[in-house]
N, C-alpha and C. Protein backbone atom coordinates (compact mmCIF):
# COMPACT_ATOMS: atom_id res chain seq x y z
N MET A 1 -48.91 -17.84 -34.94
CA MET A 1 -49.54 -19.03 -34.34
C MET A 1 -49.50 -20.11 -35.48
N GLY A 2 -49.07 -21.30 -35.04
CA GLY A 2 -49.00 -22.48 -35.97
C GLY A 2 -50.42 -22.93 -36.38
N LYS A 3 -50.41 -23.62 -37.47
CA LYS A 3 -51.59 -24.12 -38.06
C LYS A 3 -52.35 -25.11 -37.17
N ARG A 4 -51.53 -25.99 -36.54
CA ARG A 4 -52.11 -26.94 -35.65
C ARG A 4 -52.59 -26.30 -34.32
N ARG A 5 -51.91 -25.36 -33.82
CA ARG A 5 -52.33 -24.58 -32.58
C ARG A 5 -53.66 -23.99 -32.87
N LYS A 6 -53.73 -23.40 -34.05
CA LYS A 6 -54.98 -22.71 -34.42
C LYS A 6 -56.09 -23.73 -34.44
N ALA A 7 -55.83 -24.91 -35.05
CA ALA A 7 -56.82 -26.04 -35.12
C ALA A 7 -57.25 -26.45 -33.71
N ARG A 8 -56.34 -26.59 -32.86
CA ARG A 8 -56.57 -27.00 -31.43
C ARG A 8 -57.49 -25.97 -30.76
N GLU A 9 -57.27 -24.71 -30.98
CA GLU A 9 -58.18 -23.64 -30.36
C GLU A 9 -59.51 -23.70 -30.94
N ILE A 10 -59.62 -24.02 -32.32
CA ILE A 10 -60.88 -24.13 -32.94
C ILE A 10 -61.62 -25.33 -32.26
N VAL A 11 -60.96 -26.40 -32.06
CA VAL A 11 -61.54 -27.62 -31.47
C VAL A 11 -61.96 -27.31 -30.03
N LEU A 12 -61.15 -26.59 -29.29
CA LEU A 12 -61.55 -26.25 -27.89
C LEU A 12 -62.79 -25.45 -27.91
N GLN A 13 -62.90 -24.45 -28.76
CA GLN A 13 -64.03 -23.57 -28.74
C GLN A 13 -65.31 -24.29 -29.30
N SER A 14 -65.09 -25.30 -30.22
CA SER A 14 -66.18 -26.08 -30.66
C SER A 14 -66.69 -27.02 -29.66
N LEU A 15 -65.79 -27.67 -28.92
CA LEU A 15 -66.21 -28.57 -27.83
C LEU A 15 -66.92 -27.80 -26.78
N TYR A 16 -66.39 -26.67 -26.39
CA TYR A 16 -67.06 -25.82 -25.35
C TYR A 16 -68.42 -25.39 -25.83
N GLU A 17 -68.58 -24.91 -27.03
CA GLU A 17 -69.85 -24.49 -27.57
C GLU A 17 -70.85 -25.67 -27.61
N ALA A 18 -70.42 -26.85 -27.99
CA ALA A 18 -71.23 -27.98 -28.12
C ALA A 18 -71.91 -28.35 -26.76
N GLU A 19 -71.22 -28.09 -25.71
CA GLU A 19 -71.76 -28.32 -24.28
C GLU A 19 -73.07 -27.56 -24.07
N PHE A 20 -73.27 -26.44 -24.75
CA PHE A 20 -74.41 -25.56 -24.53
C PHE A 20 -75.41 -25.46 -25.68
N SER A 21 -75.11 -26.24 -26.70
CA SER A 21 -75.89 -26.09 -27.91
C SER A 21 -76.40 -27.47 -28.39
N ASP A 22 -77.60 -27.38 -28.98
CA ASP A 22 -78.15 -28.70 -29.55
C ASP A 22 -77.96 -28.75 -31.04
N ARG A 23 -77.14 -27.79 -31.62
CA ARG A 23 -76.81 -27.88 -32.99
C ARG A 23 -75.89 -29.02 -33.30
N PRO A 24 -75.83 -29.48 -34.52
CA PRO A 24 -74.89 -30.56 -34.85
C PRO A 24 -73.44 -30.00 -34.78
N TRP A 25 -72.52 -30.90 -34.40
CA TRP A 25 -71.15 -30.51 -34.22
C TRP A 25 -70.55 -29.96 -35.59
N GLU A 26 -70.95 -30.47 -36.70
CA GLU A 26 -70.42 -29.94 -37.94
C GLU A 26 -70.76 -28.47 -38.21
N GLU A 27 -72.01 -28.11 -37.77
CA GLU A 27 -72.51 -26.71 -37.89
C GLU A 27 -71.66 -25.81 -36.87
N ILE A 28 -71.39 -26.35 -35.68
CA ILE A 28 -70.72 -25.57 -34.72
C ILE A 28 -69.25 -25.39 -35.17
N LEU A 29 -68.64 -26.47 -35.68
CA LEU A 29 -67.24 -26.32 -36.24
C LEU A 29 -67.16 -25.39 -37.42
N ASP A 30 -68.16 -25.53 -38.35
CA ASP A 30 -68.14 -24.64 -39.51
C ASP A 30 -68.26 -23.12 -39.13
N ASN A 31 -69.03 -22.88 -38.09
CA ASN A 31 -69.21 -21.58 -37.54
C ASN A 31 -67.90 -21.05 -36.96
N GLN A 32 -67.20 -21.88 -36.15
CA GLN A 32 -65.93 -21.48 -35.59
C GLN A 32 -64.87 -21.28 -36.69
N ILE A 33 -64.88 -22.07 -37.74
CA ILE A 33 -63.94 -21.86 -38.79
C ILE A 33 -64.23 -20.64 -39.58
N ASP A 34 -65.49 -20.33 -39.80
CA ASP A 34 -65.91 -19.11 -40.52
C ASP A 34 -65.47 -17.79 -39.86
N ARG A 35 -65.38 -17.91 -38.50
CA ARG A 35 -64.98 -16.72 -37.74
C ARG A 35 -63.55 -16.35 -37.83
N ARG A 36 -62.79 -17.24 -38.48
CA ARG A 36 -61.31 -17.07 -38.58
C ARG A 36 -60.87 -17.25 -40.05
N SER A 37 -59.84 -16.78 -40.40
CA SER A 37 -59.18 -17.15 -41.68
C SER A 37 -58.22 -18.26 -41.36
N SER A 38 -58.54 -19.44 -41.90
CA SER A 38 -57.73 -20.61 -41.60
C SER A 38 -57.32 -21.31 -42.92
N SER A 39 -56.14 -21.92 -42.97
CA SER A 39 -55.70 -22.67 -44.04
C SER A 39 -56.46 -23.99 -44.14
N GLU A 40 -56.37 -24.60 -45.33
CA GLU A 40 -57.02 -25.94 -45.47
C GLU A 40 -56.45 -26.88 -44.47
N GLU A 41 -55.10 -26.85 -44.26
CA GLU A 41 -54.48 -27.76 -43.33
C GLU A 41 -55.05 -27.65 -41.87
N THR A 42 -55.30 -26.40 -41.48
CA THR A 42 -55.84 -26.07 -40.25
C THR A 42 -57.21 -26.62 -40.10
N VAL A 43 -58.06 -26.34 -41.09
CA VAL A 43 -59.47 -26.76 -41.14
C VAL A 43 -59.47 -28.28 -41.07
N GLU A 44 -58.66 -28.98 -41.93
CA GLU A 44 -58.68 -30.48 -41.97
C GLU A 44 -58.26 -31.08 -40.57
N TYR A 45 -57.21 -30.47 -39.95
CA TYR A 45 -56.72 -31.02 -38.65
C TYR A 45 -57.89 -30.77 -37.64
N ALA A 46 -58.50 -29.61 -37.62
CA ALA A 46 -59.55 -29.35 -36.63
C ALA A 46 -60.65 -30.31 -36.84
N ARG A 47 -61.10 -30.51 -38.09
CA ARG A 47 -62.19 -31.39 -38.31
C ARG A 47 -61.92 -32.84 -37.93
N ASP A 48 -60.66 -33.34 -38.18
CA ASP A 48 -60.28 -34.65 -37.88
C ASP A 48 -60.20 -34.80 -36.35
N LEU A 49 -59.60 -33.79 -35.61
CA LEU A 49 -59.52 -33.86 -34.22
C LEU A 49 -60.75 -33.77 -33.53
N LEU A 50 -61.66 -32.97 -33.89
CA LEU A 50 -62.97 -32.74 -33.34
C LEU A 50 -63.78 -33.96 -33.48
N CYS A 51 -63.77 -34.54 -34.71
CA CYS A 51 -64.51 -35.78 -34.99
C CYS A 51 -64.08 -36.90 -34.14
N LYS A 52 -62.76 -37.10 -34.06
CA LYS A 52 -62.25 -38.19 -33.32
C LYS A 52 -62.49 -38.05 -31.75
N THR A 53 -62.53 -36.77 -31.32
CA THR A 53 -62.75 -36.58 -29.89
C THR A 53 -64.18 -36.86 -29.62
N LEU A 54 -65.13 -36.36 -30.49
CA LEU A 54 -66.51 -36.58 -30.15
C LEU A 54 -66.91 -38.04 -30.42
N GLU A 55 -66.35 -38.76 -31.42
CA GLU A 55 -66.65 -40.17 -31.60
C GLU A 55 -66.31 -40.98 -30.34
N ASN A 56 -65.30 -40.66 -29.66
CA ASN A 56 -64.72 -41.40 -28.49
C ASN A 56 -65.00 -40.65 -27.16
N LEU A 57 -65.90 -39.80 -27.07
CA LEU A 57 -66.05 -38.94 -25.87
C LEU A 57 -66.27 -39.76 -24.64
N GLU A 58 -67.12 -40.72 -24.66
CA GLU A 58 -67.38 -41.52 -23.47
C GLU A 58 -66.06 -42.20 -22.98
N HIS A 59 -65.37 -42.79 -23.91
CA HIS A 59 -64.13 -43.48 -23.61
C HIS A 59 -63.18 -42.51 -23.02
N LEU A 60 -62.98 -41.42 -23.73
CA LEU A 60 -62.04 -40.42 -23.28
C LEU A 60 -62.38 -39.91 -21.84
N ASP A 61 -63.66 -39.58 -21.60
CA ASP A 61 -64.03 -39.16 -20.31
C ASP A 61 -63.79 -40.27 -19.23
N ALA A 62 -64.02 -41.49 -19.55
CA ALA A 62 -63.82 -42.57 -18.62
C ALA A 62 -62.36 -42.68 -18.24
N LYS A 63 -61.54 -42.56 -19.28
CA LYS A 63 -60.05 -42.61 -19.11
C LYS A 63 -59.53 -41.47 -18.28
N LEU A 64 -60.07 -40.26 -18.62
CA LEU A 64 -59.67 -39.09 -17.79
C LEU A 64 -60.10 -39.21 -16.35
N ALA A 65 -61.36 -39.67 -16.12
CA ALA A 65 -61.82 -39.86 -14.76
C ALA A 65 -60.95 -40.82 -13.91
N SER A 66 -60.55 -41.88 -14.57
CA SER A 66 -59.77 -42.85 -13.93
C SER A 66 -58.28 -42.41 -13.70
N THR A 67 -57.86 -41.37 -14.39
CA THR A 67 -56.56 -40.88 -14.29
C THR A 67 -56.41 -39.76 -13.25
N LEU A 68 -57.49 -39.02 -13.03
CA LEU A 68 -57.48 -37.90 -12.12
C LEU A 68 -57.19 -38.37 -10.67
N GLU A 69 -56.26 -37.80 -9.96
CA GLU A 69 -55.97 -38.14 -8.58
C GLU A 69 -56.59 -37.15 -7.71
N ASN A 70 -57.40 -37.54 -6.75
CA ASN A 70 -58.06 -36.65 -5.80
C ASN A 70 -58.95 -35.68 -6.48
N TRP A 71 -59.50 -35.91 -7.64
CA TRP A 71 -60.39 -34.99 -8.34
C TRP A 71 -61.55 -35.80 -8.88
N GLU A 72 -62.68 -35.22 -9.02
CA GLU A 72 -63.82 -35.83 -9.73
C GLU A 72 -63.91 -35.03 -11.03
N MET A 73 -64.35 -35.63 -12.06
CA MET A 73 -64.52 -34.99 -13.36
C MET A 73 -65.45 -33.74 -13.23
N GLU A 74 -66.42 -33.86 -12.38
CA GLU A 74 -67.38 -32.79 -12.14
C GLU A 74 -66.71 -31.49 -11.62
N ARG A 75 -65.55 -31.68 -10.94
CA ARG A 75 -64.85 -30.56 -10.37
C ARG A 75 -63.89 -29.89 -11.36
N VAL A 76 -63.59 -30.59 -12.50
CA VAL A 76 -62.70 -29.99 -13.52
C VAL A 76 -63.51 -28.99 -14.31
N SER A 77 -62.87 -27.79 -14.50
CA SER A 77 -63.58 -26.73 -15.25
C SER A 77 -63.83 -27.27 -16.67
N LEU A 78 -64.91 -26.72 -17.29
CA LEU A 78 -65.25 -27.17 -18.62
C LEU A 78 -64.16 -26.93 -19.62
N VAL A 79 -63.46 -25.76 -19.52
CA VAL A 79 -62.38 -25.46 -20.51
C VAL A 79 -61.27 -26.51 -20.30
N ASP A 80 -60.87 -26.75 -19.06
CA ASP A 80 -59.78 -27.74 -18.82
C ASP A 80 -60.23 -29.12 -19.31
N LYS A 81 -61.50 -29.48 -19.10
CA LYS A 81 -62.03 -30.74 -19.45
C LYS A 81 -61.96 -30.90 -21.06
N CYS A 82 -62.31 -29.82 -21.74
CA CYS A 82 -62.32 -29.88 -23.21
C CYS A 82 -60.84 -29.96 -23.68
N ILE A 83 -59.98 -29.26 -23.08
CA ILE A 83 -58.46 -29.32 -23.45
C ILE A 83 -57.97 -30.78 -23.22
N LEU A 84 -58.29 -31.36 -22.11
CA LEU A 84 -57.86 -32.69 -21.78
C LEU A 84 -58.48 -33.70 -22.81
N ARG A 85 -59.74 -33.51 -23.20
CA ARG A 85 -60.39 -34.44 -24.11
C ARG A 85 -59.68 -34.41 -25.49
N PHE A 86 -59.43 -33.23 -26.04
CA PHE A 86 -58.88 -33.27 -27.36
C PHE A 86 -57.38 -33.69 -27.30
N ALA A 87 -56.65 -33.32 -26.26
CA ALA A 87 -55.30 -33.76 -26.12
C ALA A 87 -55.24 -35.28 -25.91
N LEU A 88 -56.06 -35.89 -25.17
CA LEU A 88 -56.07 -37.35 -25.02
C LEU A 88 -56.39 -37.97 -26.35
N ALA A 89 -57.36 -37.47 -27.06
CA ALA A 89 -57.66 -37.99 -28.42
C ALA A 89 -56.39 -37.94 -29.35
N GLU A 90 -55.64 -36.86 -29.24
CA GLU A 90 -54.39 -36.81 -30.06
C GLU A 90 -53.45 -37.83 -29.56
N ILE A 91 -53.29 -38.02 -28.26
CA ILE A 91 -52.39 -39.11 -27.69
C ILE A 91 -52.79 -40.44 -28.18
N MET A 92 -54.06 -40.77 -28.22
CA MET A 92 -54.54 -42.06 -28.51
C MET A 92 -54.63 -42.36 -30.00
N TYR A 93 -54.98 -41.34 -30.75
CA TYR A 93 -55.37 -41.60 -32.18
C TYR A 93 -54.51 -40.89 -33.21
N PHE A 94 -53.65 -39.95 -32.79
CA PHE A 94 -52.84 -39.21 -33.77
C PHE A 94 -51.38 -39.52 -33.45
N LEU A 95 -51.03 -40.80 -33.64
CA LEU A 95 -49.71 -41.26 -33.21
C LEU A 95 -48.55 -40.63 -33.97
N HIS A 96 -48.80 -39.97 -35.08
CA HIS A 96 -47.73 -39.28 -35.84
C HIS A 96 -47.32 -38.02 -35.10
N VAL A 97 -48.15 -37.50 -34.15
CA VAL A 97 -47.81 -36.28 -33.44
C VAL A 97 -47.06 -36.63 -32.26
N PRO A 98 -45.83 -36.10 -32.02
CA PRO A 98 -45.06 -36.43 -30.81
C PRO A 98 -45.73 -36.04 -29.54
N SER A 99 -45.55 -36.92 -28.53
CA SER A 99 -46.24 -36.66 -27.19
C SER A 99 -45.85 -35.33 -26.59
N LYS A 100 -44.60 -34.93 -26.76
CA LYS A 100 -44.12 -33.64 -26.23
C LYS A 100 -44.92 -32.50 -26.80
N VAL A 101 -45.14 -32.63 -28.14
CA VAL A 101 -45.85 -31.56 -28.86
C VAL A 101 -47.27 -31.50 -28.33
N ILE A 102 -47.93 -32.61 -28.24
CA ILE A 102 -49.34 -32.62 -27.78
C ILE A 102 -49.39 -31.95 -26.37
N ILE A 103 -48.53 -32.34 -25.50
CA ILE A 103 -48.57 -31.87 -24.13
C ILE A 103 -48.26 -30.37 -24.09
N ASN A 104 -47.23 -29.97 -24.81
CA ASN A 104 -46.85 -28.53 -24.79
C ASN A 104 -47.97 -27.70 -25.46
N GLU A 105 -48.60 -28.18 -26.51
CA GLU A 105 -49.70 -27.40 -27.10
C GLU A 105 -50.82 -27.27 -26.17
N ALA A 106 -51.19 -28.41 -25.52
CA ALA A 106 -52.31 -28.37 -24.55
C ALA A 106 -51.98 -27.35 -23.37
N ILE A 107 -50.78 -27.38 -22.99
CA ILE A 107 -50.42 -26.38 -21.91
C ILE A 107 -50.54 -24.97 -22.37
N GLU A 108 -50.13 -24.66 -23.60
CA GLU A 108 -50.23 -23.27 -24.12
C GLU A 108 -51.67 -22.86 -24.29
N VAL A 109 -52.45 -23.82 -24.80
CA VAL A 109 -53.92 -23.50 -24.91
C VAL A 109 -54.48 -23.30 -23.58
N ALA A 110 -54.19 -24.05 -22.60
CA ALA A 110 -54.62 -23.91 -21.21
C ALA A 110 -54.19 -22.55 -20.63
N HIS A 111 -52.97 -22.19 -20.87
CA HIS A 111 -52.52 -20.77 -20.38
C HIS A 111 -53.27 -19.68 -21.01
N LYS A 112 -53.69 -19.88 -22.25
CA LYS A 112 -54.45 -18.85 -22.93
C LYS A 112 -55.93 -18.77 -22.52
N TYR A 113 -56.50 -19.87 -22.33
CA TYR A 113 -58.01 -19.92 -22.24
C TYR A 113 -58.53 -20.28 -20.76
N SER A 114 -57.57 -20.72 -19.88
CA SER A 114 -58.02 -21.16 -18.59
C SER A 114 -57.34 -20.44 -17.55
N SER A 115 -57.26 -21.01 -16.35
CA SER A 115 -56.77 -20.30 -15.16
C SER A 115 -55.25 -20.37 -15.10
N GLN A 116 -54.66 -19.68 -14.16
CA GLN A 116 -53.25 -19.60 -14.03
C GLN A 116 -52.59 -20.94 -13.81
N ASP A 117 -53.26 -21.80 -12.98
CA ASP A 117 -52.69 -23.05 -12.64
C ASP A 117 -53.11 -24.16 -13.57
N ALA A 118 -53.87 -23.91 -14.64
CA ALA A 118 -54.38 -24.95 -15.56
C ALA A 118 -53.26 -25.61 -16.30
N GLY A 119 -52.16 -24.94 -16.67
CA GLY A 119 -51.09 -25.58 -17.38
C GLY A 119 -50.44 -26.72 -16.57
N LYS A 120 -50.20 -26.53 -15.32
CA LYS A 120 -49.66 -27.50 -14.45
C LYS A 120 -50.59 -28.72 -14.32
N PHE A 121 -51.90 -28.43 -14.19
CA PHE A 121 -52.87 -29.48 -14.09
C PHE A 121 -52.91 -30.32 -15.37
N VAL A 122 -53.03 -29.63 -16.49
CA VAL A 122 -53.09 -30.33 -17.77
C VAL A 122 -51.83 -31.12 -18.02
N ASN A 123 -50.67 -30.61 -17.75
CA ASN A 123 -49.40 -31.23 -17.85
C ASN A 123 -49.38 -32.54 -17.04
N GLY A 124 -49.76 -32.46 -15.80
CA GLY A 124 -49.78 -33.72 -14.91
C GLY A 124 -50.59 -34.80 -15.39
N VAL A 125 -51.80 -34.43 -15.78
CA VAL A 125 -52.84 -35.44 -16.22
C VAL A 125 -52.33 -36.10 -17.55
N LEU A 126 -51.88 -35.23 -18.53
CA LEU A 126 -51.49 -35.77 -19.82
C LEU A 126 -50.16 -36.52 -19.73
N ASP A 127 -49.29 -36.17 -18.86
CA ASP A 127 -48.05 -36.91 -18.66
C ASP A 127 -48.39 -38.40 -18.26
N ARG A 128 -49.28 -38.54 -17.35
CA ARG A 128 -49.71 -39.90 -16.93
C ARG A 128 -50.33 -40.66 -18.07
N LEU A 129 -51.14 -40.00 -18.86
CA LEU A 129 -51.87 -40.75 -19.97
C LEU A 129 -50.82 -41.06 -21.09
N VAL A 130 -49.80 -40.24 -21.35
CA VAL A 130 -48.79 -40.54 -22.31
C VAL A 130 -48.11 -41.87 -21.90
N HIS A 131 -47.70 -41.97 -20.61
CA HIS A 131 -47.07 -43.20 -20.10
C HIS A 131 -47.94 -44.38 -20.30
N GLU A 132 -49.24 -44.24 -20.12
CA GLU A 132 -50.15 -45.30 -20.33
C GLU A 132 -50.37 -45.75 -21.72
N PHE A 133 -50.50 -44.79 -22.61
CA PHE A 133 -50.87 -45.09 -24.00
C PHE A 133 -49.75 -45.22 -24.93
N ARG A 134 -48.65 -44.51 -24.63
CA ARG A 134 -47.47 -44.56 -25.56
C ARG A 134 -46.26 -45.27 -24.89
N GLY A 135 -46.40 -45.54 -23.58
CA GLY A 135 -45.43 -46.31 -22.93
C GLY A 135 -44.06 -45.70 -22.70
N LYS A 136 -44.02 -44.40 -22.77
CA LYS A 136 -42.69 -43.76 -22.58
C LYS A 136 -42.90 -42.31 -22.07
N ALA A 137 -41.92 -41.76 -21.64
CA ALA A 137 -41.94 -40.38 -21.06
C ALA A 137 -42.30 -39.39 -22.24
N ALA A 138 -42.99 -38.34 -21.82
CA ALA A 138 -43.33 -37.29 -22.82
C ALA A 138 -42.16 -36.60 -23.26
């Protein structure tokens, strides 16, 4: 598994845990990191991605809600919502990461942690967002 994939999985699990915990996100992230052996590069990317996602959570959720067709945010599973949140943060704030990589990684994480159809759902939503924020096809 690549270092950034591992970072994205750590971020997913941290975002998920944060929904049910009143502990500070730094403590949640440190706990997730401590449970795995991770390189400094993985830890740094996970910390940056989680921080940027949480800093902009309201904006990310508003953008996701306006992008969903025939769906309400409340109907999206929490795992899928967390994946979409961190992937959108990457699309918007990590411009050095190619759009195709972000979408493919989000799909792979969805296949591993969510339902059978989650990959298609994540792909469709993120593809629309890439067009909006990066102005080109993924």
